[in-house]
Amino acid sequence: MNIAEVVLATLTGVLAGAVFALVDVPIPAPPALAGVMGIFGIYLGFKLVEYLQLVGAVADAIPL
């Protein structure tokens, strides 16, 4: 993981959030911690499958 990418992504998110607040538009993100944790869970599950090298295992098992 590149720390510069993380910092730039965070700064971009802060800037986007500020713009949404300045124009009085609701943010396109979950407004509660549970929603944010759900998104984090999706990311964590994706990374877990990648780590276990199971990427595409289900898709490969389906005969087309």
N, C-alpha and C. Protein backbone atom coordinates (compact mmCIF):
# COMPACT_ATOMS: atom_id res chain seq x y z
N MET A 1 0.85 -1.17 0.00
CA MET A 1 0.00 0.00 0.00
C MET A 1 0.90 1.23 0.00
N ASN A 2 0.57 2.13 -0.88
CA ASN A 2 1.34 3.36 -1.00
C ASN A 2 0.71 4.43 -0.10
N ILE A 3 1.46 4.93 0.85
CA ILE A 3 0.93 5.92 1.81
C ILE A 3 0.52 7.20 1.12
N ALA A 4 1.22 7.56 0.05
CA ALA A 4 0.86 8.78 -0.68
C ALA A 4 -0.54 8.65 -1.28
N GLU A 5 -0.88 7.47 -1.80
CA GLU A 5 -2.22 7.25 -2.34
C GLU A 5 -3.28 7.39 -1.26
N VAL A 6 -2.99 6.85 -0.09
CA VAL A 6 -3.94 6.93 1.03
C VAL A 6 -4.16 8.38 1.44
N VAL A 7 -3.08 9.13 1.54
CA VAL A 7 -3.18 10.54 1.93
C VAL A 7 -3.94 11.32 0.87
N LEU A 8 -3.62 11.12 -0.41
CA LEU A 8 -4.32 11.83 -1.48
C LEU A 8 -5.79 11.45 -1.54
N ALA A 9 -6.11 10.18 -1.33
CA ALA A 9 -7.51 9.76 -1.33
C ALA A 9 -8.27 10.39 -0.16
N THR A 10 -7.63 10.46 0.99
CA THR A 10 -8.26 11.09 2.16
C THR A 10 -8.49 12.57 1.92
N LEU A 11 -7.50 13.26 1.38
CA LEU A 11 -7.64 14.69 1.09
C LEU A 11 -8.71 14.93 0.03
N THR A 12 -8.79 14.08 -0.96
CA THR A 12 -9.83 14.21 -1.97
C THR A 12 -11.20 14.02 -1.36
N GLY A 13 -11.33 13.05 -0.45
CA GLY A 13 -12.60 12.83 0.24
C GLY A 13 -13.00 14.02 1.10
N VAL A 14 -12.02 14.59 1.80
CA VAL A 14 -12.30 15.77 2.63
C VAL A 14 -12.76 16.93 1.76
N LEU A 15 -12.08 17.14 0.64
CA LEU A 15 -12.45 18.22 -0.28
C LEU A 15 -13.85 17.99 -0.85
N ALA A 16 -14.13 16.76 -1.27
CA ALA A 16 -15.46 16.46 -1.81
C ALA A 16 -16.54 16.66 -0.74
N GLY A 17 -16.28 16.22 0.48
CA GLY A 17 -17.24 16.42 1.56
C GLY A 17 -17.49 17.90 1.83
N ALA A 18 -16.43 18.69 1.77
CA ALA A 18 -16.57 20.14 1.99
C ALA A 18 -17.42 20.77 0.89
N VAL A 19 -17.20 20.34 -0.36
CA VAL A 19 -17.98 20.89 -1.47
C VAL A 19 -19.46 20.52 -1.29
N PHE A 20 -19.74 19.28 -0.93
CA PHE A 20 -21.13 18.88 -0.70
C PHE A 20 -21.76 19.73 0.40
N ALA A 21 -21.03 20.00 1.47
CA ALA A 21 -21.57 20.81 2.56
C ALA A 21 -21.78 22.26 2.12
N LEU A 22 -20.86 22.80 1.34
CA LEU A 22 -20.96 24.19 0.89
C LEU A 22 -22.16 24.42 -0.02
N VAL A 23 -22.51 23.42 -0.82
CA VAL A 23 -23.67 23.58 -1.71
C VAL A 23 -24.94 22.97 -1.11
N ASP A 24 -24.86 22.55 0.14
CA ASP A 24 -25.99 22.03 0.90
C ASP A 24 -26.66 20.84 0.22
N VAL A 25 -25.83 19.87 -0.17
CA VAL A 25 -26.30 18.64 -0.80
C VAL A 25 -25.90 17.49 0.12
N PRO A 26 -26.79 16.49 0.31
CA PRO A 26 -26.41 15.36 1.16
C PRO A 26 -25.27 14.56 0.52
N ILE A 27 -24.40 14.05 1.34
CA ILE A 27 -23.26 13.29 0.83
C ILE A 27 -23.74 11.93 0.31
N PRO A 28 -23.11 11.44 -0.76
CA PRO A 28 -23.50 10.13 -1.30
C PRO A 28 -22.80 9.00 -0.58
N ALA A 29 -22.96 8.95 0.72
CA ALA A 29 -22.31 7.93 1.55
C ALA A 29 -23.22 7.64 2.74
N PRO A 30 -23.02 6.49 3.36
CA PRO A 30 -23.85 6.19 4.54
C PRO A 30 -23.64 7.22 5.64
N PRO A 31 -24.72 7.72 6.21
CA PRO A 31 -24.60 8.76 7.23
C PRO A 31 -24.29 8.21 8.63
N ALA A 32 -24.25 6.91 8.79
CA ALA A 32 -24.04 6.34 10.11
C ALA A 32 -22.82 5.42 10.11
N LEU A 33 -22.27 5.20 11.28
CA LEU A 33 -21.10 4.35 11.42
C LEU A 33 -21.38 2.94 10.91
N ALA A 34 -22.58 2.43 11.12
CA ALA A 34 -22.91 1.08 10.66
C ALA A 34 -22.78 0.97 9.13
N GLY A 35 -23.19 1.99 8.41
CA GLY A 35 -23.05 1.99 6.96
C GLY A 35 -21.61 2.01 6.52
N VAL A 36 -20.81 2.83 7.18
CA VAL A 36 -19.38 2.91 6.87
C VAL A 36 -18.72 1.56 7.16
N MET A 37 -19.08 0.94 8.27
CA MET A 37 -18.50 -0.37 8.61
C MET A 37 -18.94 -1.45 7.61
N GLY A 38 -20.14 -1.31 7.07
CA GLY A 38 -20.59 -2.24 6.04
C GLY A 38 -19.72 -2.14 4.80
N ILE A 39 -19.41 -0.93 4.39
CA ILE A 39 -18.52 -0.73 3.24
C ILE A 39 -17.14 -1.28 3.55
N PHE A 40 -16.65 -1.05 4.76
CA PHE A 40 -15.35 -1.59 5.16
C PHE A 40 -15.38 -3.12 5.14
N GLY A 41 -16.50 -3.71 5.56
CA GLY A 41 -16.64 -5.16 5.55
C GLY A 41 -16.59 -5.73 4.14
N ILE A 42 -17.21 -5.04 3.19
CA ILE A 42 -17.14 -5.47 1.79
C ILE A 42 -15.69 -5.46 1.32
N TYR A 43 -14.98 -4.40 1.63
CA TYR A 43 -13.56 -4.30 1.23
C TYR A 43 -12.74 -5.40 1.90
N LEU A 44 -12.97 -5.62 3.18
CA LEU A 44 -12.23 -6.64 3.92
C LEU A 44 -12.51 -8.04 3.36
N GLY A 45 -13.76 -8.34 3.03
CA GLY A 45 -14.09 -9.63 2.44
C GLY A 45 -13.42 -9.82 1.09
N PHE A 46 -13.38 -8.78 0.28
CA PHE A 46 -12.72 -8.84 -1.02
C PHE A 46 -11.24 -9.14 -0.85
N LYS A 47 -10.60 -8.43 0.07
CA LYS A 47 -9.17 -8.63 0.30
C LYS A 47 -8.89 -10.01 0.88
N LEU A 48 -9.78 -10.53 1.72
CA LEU A 48 -9.61 -11.86 2.29
C LEU A 48 -9.64 -12.93 1.19
N VAL A 49 -10.58 -12.81 0.27
CA VAL A 49 -10.66 -13.77 -0.83
C VAL A 49 -9.42 -13.67 -1.71
N GLU A 50 -8.93 -12.45 -1.96
CA GLU A 50 -7.68 -12.28 -2.71
C GLU A 50 -6.52 -12.94 -1.99
N TYR A 51 -6.42 -12.72 -0.68
CA TYR A 51 -5.33 -13.27 0.13
C TYR A 51 -5.35 -14.80 0.11
N LEU A 52 -6.53 -15.37 0.16
CA LEU A 52 -6.66 -16.83 0.15
C LEU A 52 -6.57 -17.41 -1.27
N GLN A 53 -6.35 -16.54 -2.23
CA GLN A 53 -6.20 -16.91 -3.64
C GLN A 53 -7.41 -17.69 -4.15
N LEU A 54 -8.59 -17.22 -3.79
CA LEU A 54 -9.84 -17.83 -4.23
C LEU A 54 -10.54 -16.99 -5.30
N VAL A 55 -9.83 -16.00 -5.82
CA VAL A 55 -10.44 -15.07 -6.79
C VAL A 55 -10.95 -15.85 -7.99
N GLY A 56 -12.22 -15.68 -8.29
CA GLY A 56 -12.83 -16.33 -9.43
C GLY A 56 -13.17 -17.79 -9.21
N ALA A 57 -13.01 -18.31 -8.01
CA ALA A 57 -13.24 -19.75 -7.76
C ALA A 57 -14.67 -20.14 -8.09
N VAL A 58 -15.63 -19.36 -7.69
CA VAL A 58 -17.04 -19.68 -7.96
C VAL A 58 -17.32 -19.52 -9.44
N ALA A 59 -16.84 -18.43 -10.04
CA ALA A 59 -17.08 -18.19 -11.47
C ALA A 59 -16.45 -19.27 -12.32
N ASP A 60 -15.27 -19.76 -11.92
CA ASP A 60 -14.61 -20.82 -12.68
C ASP A 60 -15.33 -22.16 -12.54
N ALA A 61 -16.06 -22.35 -11.45
CA ALA A 61 -16.75 -23.62 -11.23
C ALA A 61 -18.08 -23.70 -11.98
N ILE A 62 -18.56 -22.57 -12.49
CA ILE A 62 -19.83 -22.55 -13.21
C ILE A 62 -19.57 -22.85 -14.69
N PRO A 63 -20.14 -23.95 -15.18
CA PRO A 63 -19.94 -24.26 -16.61
C PRO A 63 -20.74 -23.31 -17.49
N LEU A 64 -20.06 -22.74 -18.43
CA LEU A 64 -20.75 -21.80 -19.35
C LEU A 64 -20.76 -22.35 -20.75
